[in-house]
Structure formats: C-alpha cells, structure tokens
C-alpha cells in the first residue's frame, strides 16, 4: 500500500511539473513582446486553476464550459482566450479564428492576426493589447502581475 502511495505521488508531481513547464514555455508570438508576456502569464495562471479559467471564459464570452474544454484539448488556455478576444474585436466567428489558427499554428499568432485582416498598427490590435483577462481591465492585470512578482 505504501508503494502505491509513492507511485501515486510521483504521478501527481510529474503531471504538475509537466503542466507548469508547458505554461512556462508557452510563446504566443503575437509580434508584440508585452502582449506575449501577458499571454504567457495568463497561461500560467489558467493552468494553475483550469476549472476557474473555463468558468470565467465561458461566462465572459457567453459560451459553454464544454466548448472551452474541447478547445483546450488542442490549445493552450491563453490561446483560447486570445481567439475569443480576436473574434470579439474583429466581429469574426470564433470558429473562423480557430480554423485560421490551426492552419497557421506553427507560425504564431502574428500570422493569424494578419490573415484575419488586423494590422499591428490598427486600433483593433491596440484593443487586443488591452486584452481582458478574467474580466479585469489591462491596468488591473498589470497591477496583479506586479504584486505576484
């Protein structure tokens, strides 16, 4: 029985380490270093409490947790949030954003954004840089990140 407990602990810590390492290596490649850092921090936060993330994103974008869970099978949490934000800002169905992302995943979000007609100098891109995270404004998010450092 004791050996089973050790194996269970090992599996738990291995899975936790894997999830944390994945969130630390996440790189959105949006073409904007500040936005990339925001998304990386969000990803780490979401991975740490994925159930809360699914609930918050489903509520914020008026979708279901089932749909969010399905997206998380192939996307990082920050990518799901970013896709929904792009869809909202660009008045594009989220499925279209996700399809463009899937086709260009290896090239990063900067290519996806450009293919959806958003230039880095546009107001839409500025709106993306002020991405809403858990319903918080950009300034609240930055203050929260500063407190966590």
N, C-alpha and C. Protein backbone atom coordinates (compact mmCIF):
# COMPACT_ATOMS: atom_id res chain seq x y z
N UNK A 1 0.82 -1.19 0.00
CA UNK A 1 0.00 0.00 0.00
C UNK A 1 0.87 1.26 0.00
N UNK A 2 1.95 1.20 0.78
CA UNK A 2 2.85 2.35 0.85
C UNK A 2 3.48 2.62 -0.52
N UNK A 3 3.86 1.56 -1.21
CA UNK A 3 4.46 1.70 -2.53
C UNK A 3 3.46 2.33 -3.51
N UNK A 4 2.18 1.96 -3.42
CA UNK A 4 1.15 2.54 -4.27
C UNK A 4 1.04 4.05 -4.01
N UNK A 5 1.11 4.45 -2.76
CA UNK A 5 1.04 5.88 -2.41
C UNK A 5 2.21 6.65 -3.02
N UNK A 6 3.40 6.07 -2.99
CA UNK A 6 4.56 6.71 -3.58
C UNK A 6 4.41 6.84 -5.09
N UNK A 7 3.88 5.80 -5.71
CA UNK A 7 3.66 5.85 -7.16
C UNK A 7 2.63 6.92 -7.49
N UNK A 8 1.56 6.99 -6.72
CA UNK A 8 0.53 8.00 -6.94
C UNK A 8 1.10 9.41 -6.76
N UNK A 9 1.90 9.61 -5.74
CA UNK A 9 2.56 10.92 -5.54
C UNK A 9 3.48 11.26 -6.70
N UNK A 10 4.23 10.28 -7.16
CA UNK A 10 5.13 10.50 -8.28
C UNK A 10 4.36 10.92 -9.52
N UNK A 11 3.27 10.23 -9.81
CA UNK A 11 2.45 10.56 -10.98
C UNK A 11 1.88 11.97 -10.82
N UNK A 12 1.38 12.30 -9.65
CA UNK A 12 0.81 13.64 -9.40
C UNK A 12 1.86 14.72 -9.62
N UNK A 13 3.04 14.57 -9.03
CA UNK A 13 4.07 15.59 -9.17
C UNK A 13 4.61 15.66 -10.60
N UNK A 14 4.68 14.54 -11.26
CA UNK A 14 5.12 14.54 -12.66
C UNK A 14 4.14 15.29 -13.54
N UNK A 15 2.85 15.05 -13.34
CA UNK A 15 1.83 15.74 -14.13
C UNK A 15 1.85 17.24 -13.83
N UNK A 16 1.99 17.59 -12.56
CA UNK A 16 2.05 19.00 -12.18
C UNK A 16 3.25 19.67 -12.81
N UNK A 17 4.41 19.04 -12.72
CA UNK A 17 5.63 19.60 -13.32
C UNK A 17 5.46 19.77 -14.82
N UNK A 18 4.86 18.78 -15.47
CA UNK A 18 4.65 18.87 -16.92
C UNK A 18 3.77 20.06 -17.27
N UNK A 19 2.66 20.24 -16.55
CA UNK A 19 1.76 21.36 -16.83
C UNK A 19 2.43 22.70 -16.59
N UNK A 20 3.19 22.80 -15.52
CA UNK A 20 3.89 24.06 -15.23
C UNK A 20 4.94 24.33 -16.30
N UNK A 21 5.68 23.31 -16.70
CA UNK A 21 6.72 23.52 -17.71
C UNK A 21 6.10 23.92 -19.04
N UNK A 22 4.92 23.37 -19.36
CA UNK A 22 4.25 23.75 -20.60
C UNK A 22 3.85 25.22 -20.56
N UNK A 23 3.34 25.69 -19.44
CA UNK A 23 2.90 27.08 -19.36
C UNK A 23 4.10 28.02 -19.38
N UNK A 24 5.24 27.57 -18.87
CA UNK A 24 6.43 28.43 -18.88
C UNK A 24 7.04 28.52 -20.27
N UNK A 25 6.85 27.51 -21.08
CA UNK A 25 7.43 27.53 -22.42
C UNK A 25 6.46 28.10 -23.46
N UNK A 26 5.26 28.43 -23.05
CA UNK A 26 4.27 28.97 -23.98
C UNK A 26 4.77 30.28 -24.58
N UNK A 27 4.68 30.38 -25.90
CA UNK A 27 5.09 31.59 -26.60
C UNK A 27 4.07 31.87 -27.69
N UNK A 28 3.28 32.94 -27.50
CA UNK A 28 2.19 33.25 -28.43
C UNK A 28 2.69 33.79 -29.76
N UNK A 29 3.83 34.45 -29.75
CA UNK A 29 4.38 35.06 -30.96
C UNK A 29 3.35 35.95 -31.67
N UNK A 30 2.87 36.95 -30.93
CA UNK A 30 1.89 37.89 -31.47
C UNK A 30 2.54 39.02 -32.25
N UNK A 31 3.84 39.17 -32.11
CA UNK A 31 4.53 40.30 -32.73
C UNK A 31 4.68 41.46 -31.77
N UNK A 32 4.21 41.29 -30.54
CA UNK A 32 4.30 42.33 -29.52
C UNK A 32 4.77 41.68 -28.22
N UNK A 33 5.94 42.08 -27.74
CA UNK A 33 6.54 41.41 -26.58
C UNK A 33 5.71 41.59 -25.31
N UNK A 34 5.08 42.76 -25.14
CA UNK A 34 4.26 43.00 -23.95
C UNK A 34 3.05 42.07 -23.97
N UNK A 35 2.40 41.96 -25.11
CA UNK A 35 1.24 41.09 -25.24
C UNK A 35 1.65 39.62 -25.06
N UNK A 36 2.78 39.25 -25.61
CA UNK A 36 3.28 37.88 -25.43
C UNK A 36 3.48 37.57 -23.95
N UNK A 37 4.03 38.51 -23.22
CA UNK A 37 4.27 38.30 -21.78
C UNK A 37 2.95 38.20 -21.02
N UNK A 38 1.98 39.03 -21.38
CA UNK A 38 0.66 38.96 -20.75
C UNK A 38 0.05 37.57 -20.96
N UNK A 39 0.11 37.10 -22.20
CA UNK A 39 -0.48 35.80 -22.52
C UNK A 39 0.27 34.67 -21.82
N UNK A 40 1.57 34.79 -21.71
CA UNK A 40 2.36 33.77 -21.00
C UNK A 40 1.97 33.73 -19.53
N UNK A 41 1.82 34.91 -18.91
CA UNK A 41 1.42 34.97 -17.51
C UNK A 41 0.00 34.43 -17.31
N UNK A 42 -0.88 34.79 -18.22
CA UNK A 42 -2.25 34.29 -18.15
C UNK A 42 -2.25 32.77 -18.25
N UNK A 43 -1.46 32.24 -19.16
CA UNK A 43 -1.42 30.80 -19.35
C UNK A 43 -1.00 30.08 -18.07
N UNK A 44 0.01 30.61 -17.41
CA UNK A 44 0.47 30.01 -16.15
C UNK A 44 -0.63 30.08 -15.10
N UNK A 45 -1.30 31.20 -15.02
CA UNK A 45 -2.39 31.38 -14.06
C UNK A 45 -3.54 30.42 -14.37
N UNK A 46 -3.89 30.29 -15.63
CA UNK A 46 -5.00 29.43 -16.03
C UNK A 46 -4.69 27.96 -15.79
N UNK A 47 -3.47 27.55 -16.10
CA UNK A 47 -3.08 26.15 -15.90
C UNK A 47 -3.17 25.79 -14.42
N UNK A 48 -2.83 26.74 -13.56
CA UNK A 48 -2.86 26.50 -12.12
C UNK A 48 -4.29 26.31 -11.60
N UNK A 49 -5.28 26.91 -12.27
CA UNK A 49 -6.67 26.79 -11.84
C UNK A 49 -7.57 26.70 -13.08
N UNK A 50 -7.45 25.59 -13.79
CA UNK A 50 -8.10 25.44 -15.09
C UNK A 50 -9.62 25.44 -14.98
N UNK A 51 -10.17 24.92 -13.91
CA UNK A 51 -11.63 24.91 -13.76
C UNK A 51 -12.17 26.33 -13.65
N UNK A 52 -11.51 27.16 -12.88
CA UNK A 52 -11.92 28.57 -12.77
C UNK A 52 -11.77 29.27 -14.12
N UNK A 53 -10.69 28.97 -14.82
CA UNK A 53 -10.48 29.56 -16.14
C UNK A 53 -11.65 29.23 -17.06
N UNK A 54 -12.03 27.95 -17.12
CA UNK A 54 -13.12 27.54 -18.02
C UNK A 54 -14.42 28.26 -17.65
N UNK A 55 -14.69 28.35 -16.36
CA UNK A 55 -15.92 29.03 -15.91
C UNK A 55 -15.90 30.50 -16.28
N UNK A 56 -14.79 31.16 -16.00
CA UNK A 56 -14.69 32.61 -16.28
C UNK A 56 -14.78 32.91 -17.77
N UNK A 57 -14.09 32.14 -18.58
CA UNK A 57 -14.10 32.38 -20.03
C UNK A 57 -15.48 32.07 -20.61
N UNK A 58 -16.09 30.99 -20.16
CA UNK A 58 -17.44 30.66 -20.64
C UNK A 58 -18.42 31.78 -20.29
N UNK A 59 -18.33 32.31 -19.09
CA UNK A 59 -19.21 33.42 -18.68
C UNK A 59 -18.91 34.70 -19.46
N UNK A 60 -17.63 35.01 -19.60
CA UNK A 60 -17.24 36.26 -20.26
C UNK A 60 -17.65 36.28 -21.73
N UNK A 61 -17.57 35.13 -22.40
CA UNK A 61 -17.85 35.09 -23.83
C UNK A 61 -19.15 34.38 -24.16
N UNK A 62 -19.97 34.16 -23.15
CA UNK A 62 -21.30 33.57 -23.32
C UNK A 62 -21.25 32.29 -24.15
N UNK A 63 -20.43 31.37 -23.69
CA UNK A 63 -20.33 30.06 -24.31
C UNK A 63 -20.42 29.02 -23.21
N UNK A 64 -20.11 27.78 -23.52
CA UNK A 64 -20.21 26.73 -22.51
C UNK A 64 -18.83 26.26 -22.08
N UNK A 65 -18.77 25.73 -20.87
CA UNK A 65 -17.52 25.16 -20.39
C UNK A 65 -17.15 23.92 -21.21
N UNK A 66 -18.14 23.24 -21.73
CA UNK A 66 -17.88 22.06 -22.58
C UNK A 66 -17.11 22.49 -23.82
N UNK A 67 -17.53 23.59 -24.44
CA UNK A 67 -16.83 24.08 -25.63
C UNK A 67 -15.41 24.52 -25.28
N UNK A 68 -15.25 25.20 -24.16
CA UNK A 68 -13.92 25.62 -23.73
C UNK A 68 -13.05 24.39 -23.50
N UNK A 69 -13.59 23.39 -22.82
CA UNK A 69 -12.83 22.15 -22.57
C UNK A 69 -12.40 21.49 -23.87
N UNK A 70 -13.29 21.48 -24.84
CA UNK A 70 -12.97 20.88 -26.15
C UNK A 70 -11.81 21.64 -26.82
N UNK A 71 -11.86 22.98 -26.76
CA UNK A 71 -10.78 23.78 -27.33
C UNK A 71 -9.46 23.53 -26.61
N UNK A 72 -9.53 23.33 -25.30
CA UNK A 72 -8.31 23.11 -24.51
C UNK A 72 -7.62 21.79 -24.82
N UNK A 73 -8.30 20.91 -25.54
CA UNK A 73 -7.66 19.66 -25.95
C UNK A 73 -6.54 19.91 -26.95
N UNK A 74 -6.63 21.03 -27.71
CA UNK A 74 -5.65 21.32 -28.75
C UNK A 74 -5.01 22.70 -28.64
N UNK A 75 -5.43 23.46 -27.64
CA UNK A 75 -4.93 24.83 -27.49
C UNK A 75 -4.55 25.08 -26.03
N UNK A 76 -3.63 25.99 -25.85
CA UNK A 76 -3.30 26.45 -24.51
C UNK A 76 -4.42 27.37 -24.02
N UNK A 77 -4.60 27.50 -22.71
CA UNK A 77 -5.65 28.40 -22.20
C UNK A 77 -5.53 29.84 -22.75
N UNK A 78 -4.33 30.36 -22.80
CA UNK A 78 -4.15 31.73 -23.31
C UNK A 78 -4.57 31.83 -24.78
N UNK A 79 -4.36 30.76 -25.53
CA UNK A 79 -4.75 30.76 -26.94
C UNK A 79 -6.27 30.78 -27.08
N UNK A 80 -6.95 30.06 -26.20
CA UNK A 80 -8.42 30.06 -26.22
C UNK A 80 -8.93 31.48 -25.94
N UNK A 81 -8.39 32.09 -24.90
CA UNK A 81 -8.81 33.46 -24.56
C UNK A 81 -8.50 34.41 -25.70
N UNK A 82 -7.33 34.29 -26.28
CA UNK A 82 -6.91 35.19 -27.36
C UNK A 82 -7.81 35.02 -28.58
N UNK A 83 -8.16 33.77 -28.89
CA UNK A 83 -9.05 33.51 -30.03
C UNK A 83 -10.41 34.18 -29.81
N UNK A 84 -10.94 34.06 -28.62
CA UNK A 84 -12.23 34.70 -28.32
C UNK A 84 -12.13 36.21 -28.39
N UNK A 85 -11.02 36.76 -27.91
CA UNK A 85 -10.84 38.22 -27.97
C UNK A 85 -10.72 38.70 -29.42
N UNK A 86 -9.98 37.96 -30.24
CA UNK A 86 -9.86 38.33 -31.66
C UNK A 86 -11.24 38.29 -32.31
N UNK A 87 -11.98 37.24 -32.04
CA UNK A 87 -13.32 37.10 -32.63
C UNK A 87 -14.20 38.29 -32.23
N UNK A 88 -14.15 38.66 -30.98
CA UNK A 88 -14.98 39.77 -30.49
C UNK A 88 -14.54 41.10 -31.11
N UNK A 89 -13.27 41.37 -31.10
CA UNK A 89 -12.75 42.65 -31.59
C UNK A 89 -12.91 42.77 -33.11
N UNK A 90 -12.78 41.65 -33.82
CA UNK A 90 -12.82 41.66 -35.28
C UNK A 90 -14.21 41.33 -35.83
N UNK A 91 -15.18 41.11 -34.95
CA UNK A 91 -16.54 40.71 -35.37
C UNK A 91 -16.49 39.51 -36.31
N UNK A 92 -15.71 38.52 -35.91
CA UNK A 92 -15.50 37.30 -36.68
C UNK A 92 -15.95 36.12 -35.82
N UNK A 93 -16.60 35.13 -36.39
CA UNK A 93 -16.96 33.94 -35.59
C UNK A 93 -15.71 33.29 -35.01
N UNK A 94 -15.79 32.87 -33.76
CA UNK A 94 -14.63 32.27 -33.10
C UNK A 94 -14.16 31.02 -33.85
N UNK A 95 -15.07 30.29 -34.45
CA UNK A 95 -14.66 29.09 -35.22
C UNK A 95 -13.74 29.46 -36.38
N UNK A 96 -13.99 30.59 -37.01
CA UNK A 96 -13.13 31.04 -38.11
C UNK A 96 -11.73 31.38 -37.57
N UNK A 97 -11.69 32.08 -36.44
CA UNK A 97 -10.39 32.43 -35.82
C UNK A 97 -9.63 31.15 -35.50
N UNK A 98 -10.31 30.18 -34.93
CA UNK A 98 -9.66 28.92 -34.54
C UNK A 98 -9.20 28.15 -35.77
N UNK A 99 -9.98 28.16 -36.83
CA UNK A 99 -9.56 27.49 -38.07
C UNK A 99 -8.31 28.13 -38.65
N UNK A 100 -8.27 29.46 -38.70
CA UNK A 100 -7.08 30.16 -39.21
C UNK A 100 -5.89 29.86 -38.30
N UNK A 101 -6.12 29.82 -36.99
CA UNK A 101 -5.05 29.48 -36.05
C UNK A 101 -4.52 28.07 -36.31
N UNK A 102 -5.41 27.10 -36.45
CA UNK A 102 -4.99 25.70 -36.67
C UNK A 102 -4.16 25.57 -37.95
N UNK A 103 -4.54 26.31 -38.98
CA UNK A 103 -3.81 26.26 -40.25
C UNK A 103 -2.43 26.91 -40.16
N UNK A 104 -2.25 27.83 -39.21
CA UNK A 104 -1.01 28.61 -39.13
C UNK A 104 -0.34 28.52 -37.75
N UNK A 105 -0.69 27.52 -36.99
CA UNK A 105 -0.24 27.38 -35.61
C UNK A 105 1.29 27.49 -35.47
N UNK A 106 2.00 26.87 -36.37
CA UNK A 106 3.47 26.86 -36.27
C UNK A 106 4.11 28.22 -36.53
N UNK A 107 3.35 29.13 -37.13
CA UNK A 107 3.90 30.45 -37.45
C UNK A 107 3.59 31.49 -36.38
N UNK A 108 2.72 31.17 -35.44
CA UNK A 108 2.41 32.10 -34.36
C UNK A 108 1.18 32.94 -34.63
N UNK A 109 0.75 33.62 -33.59
CA UNK A 109 -0.47 34.42 -33.66
C UNK A 109 -0.33 35.66 -34.53
N UNK A 110 0.88 36.14 -34.74
CA UNK A 110 1.04 37.33 -35.59
C UNK A 110 0.54 37.05 -37.00
N UNK A 111 0.79 35.84 -37.49
CA UNK A 111 0.32 35.44 -38.83
C UNK A 111 -1.20 35.31 -38.84
N UNK A 112 -1.74 34.73 -37.79
CA UNK A 112 -3.20 34.56 -37.69
C UNK A 112 -3.88 35.93 -37.70
N UNK A 113 -3.36 36.83 -36.89
CA UNK A 113 -3.93 38.18 -36.81
C UNK A 113 -3.90 38.85 -38.17
N UNK A 114 -2.75 38.76 -38.83
CA UNK A 114 -2.60 39.38 -40.16
C UNK A 114 -3.57 38.76 -41.17
N UNK A 115 -3.71 37.43 -41.14
CA UNK A 115 -4.62 36.76 -42.09
C UNK A 115 -6.08 37.12 -41.83
N UNK A 116 -6.38 37.55 -40.62
CA UNK A 116 -7.75 37.97 -40.30
C UNK A 116 -7.95 39.47 -40.56
N UNK A 117 -6.94 40.09 -41.16
CA UNK A 117 -7.08 41.49 -41.57
C UNK A 117 -6.78 42.52 -40.50
N UNK A 118 -6.05 42.12 -39.46
CA UNK A 118 -5.70 43.06 -38.39
C UNK A 118 -4.22 43.40 -38.51
N UNK A 119 -3.92 44.67 -38.74
CA UNK A 119 -2.51 45.07 -38.81
C UNK A 119 -2.05 45.49 -37.41
N UNK A 120 -0.74 45.42 -37.21
CA UNK A 120 -0.20 45.75 -35.89
C UNK A 120 -0.29 47.24 -35.56
N UNK A 121 -0.60 48.06 -36.54
CA UNK A 121 -0.74 49.48 -36.30
C UNK A 121 -2.21 49.88 -36.12
N UNK A 122 -3.12 48.93 -36.22
CA UNK A 122 -4.55 49.25 -36.19
C UNK A 122 -5.09 49.40 -34.77
N UNK A 123 -6.25 50.01 -34.70
CA UNK A 123 -6.95 50.15 -33.42
C UNK A 123 -7.34 48.77 -32.88
N UNK A 124 -7.70 47.86 -33.77
CA UNK A 124 -8.07 46.52 -33.33
C UNK A 124 -6.91 45.84 -32.61
N UNK A 125 -5.69 46.01 -33.15
CA UNK A 125 -4.54 45.40 -32.48
C UNK A 125 -4.29 46.06 -31.13
N UNK A 126 -4.48 47.37 -31.06
CA UNK A 126 -4.36 48.07 -29.77
C UNK A 126 -5.37 47.52 -28.77
N UNK A 127 -6.58 47.23 -29.26
CA UNK A 127 -7.59 46.63 -28.39
C UNK A 127 -7.16 45.24 -27.93
N UNK A 128 -6.53 44.47 -28.82
CA UNK A 128 -6.03 43.16 -28.42
C UNK A 128 -4.95 43.27 -27.35
N UNK A 129 -4.14 44.30 -27.44
CA UNK A 129 -3.08 44.50 -26.44
C UNK A 129 -3.67 44.80 -25.07
N UNK A 130 -4.89 45.33 -25.04
CA UNK A 130 -5.58 45.60 -23.77
C UNK A 130 -6.51 44.44 -23.43
N UNK A 131 -6.06 43.26 -23.73
CA UNK A 131 -6.86 42.05 -23.58
C UNK A 131 -7.47 41.96 -22.18
N UNK A 132 -8.71 41.58 -22.16
CA UNK A 132 -9.42 41.38 -20.90
C UNK A 132 -9.09 40.00 -20.36
N UNK A 133 -8.66 39.96 -19.12
CA UNK A 133 -8.28 38.70 -18.51
C UNK A 133 -9.11 38.51 -17.26
N UNK A 134 -9.94 37.48 -17.28
CA UNK A 134 -10.87 37.23 -16.19
C UNK A 134 -11.72 38.45 -15.90
N UNK A 135 -12.08 39.20 -16.94
CA UNK A 135 -12.95 40.35 -16.78
C UNK A 135 -12.25 41.56 -16.18
N UNK A 136 -10.93 41.49 -16.04
CA UNK A 136 -10.18 42.60 -15.46
C UNK A 136 -9.69 43.51 -16.57
N UNK A 137 -9.57 44.77 -16.26
CA UNK A 137 -9.01 45.70 -17.24
C UNK A 137 -7.51 45.48 -17.31
N UNK A 138 -6.90 46.04 -18.34
CA UNK A 138 -5.47 45.91 -18.54
C UNK A 138 -4.69 46.43 -17.33
N UNK A 139 -5.10 47.57 -16.77
CA UNK A 139 -4.36 48.14 -15.64
C UNK A 139 -4.49 47.25 -14.40
N UNK A 140 -5.66 46.62 -14.17
CA UNK A 140 -5.81 45.70 -13.05
C UNK A 140 -4.92 44.48 -13.23
N UNK A 141 -4.82 44.00 -14.47
CA UNK A 141 -3.99 42.84 -14.75
C UNK A 141 -2.52 43.17 -14.46
N UNK A 142 -2.07 44.33 -14.95
CA UNK A 142 -0.67 44.72 -14.73
C UNK A 142 -0.37 44.88 -13.25
N UNK A 143 -1.31 45.43 -12.48
CA UNK A 143 -1.11 45.58 -11.04
C UNK A 143 -1.03 44.21 -10.37
N UNK A 144 -1.87 43.28 -10.82
CA UNK A 144 -1.87 41.94 -10.26
C UNK A 144 -0.55 41.23 -10.56
N UNK A 145 -0.05 41.39 -11.77
CA UNK A 145 1.23 40.77 -12.14
C UNK A 145 2.35 41.35 -11.28
N UNK A 146 2.34 42.68 -11.07
CA UNK A 146 3.36 43.33 -10.25
C UNK A 146 3.35 42.79 -8.82
N UNK A 147 2.16 42.56 -8.29
CA UNK A 147 2.04 42.03 -6.92
C UNK A 147 2.57 40.61 -6.82
N UNK A 148 2.42 39.85 -7.90
CA UNK A 148 2.84 38.44 -7.87
C UNK A 148 4.33 38.26 -8.12
N UNK A 149 5.05 39.29 -8.47
CA UNK A 149 6.48 39.18 -8.76
C UNK A 149 7.28 39.16 -7.47
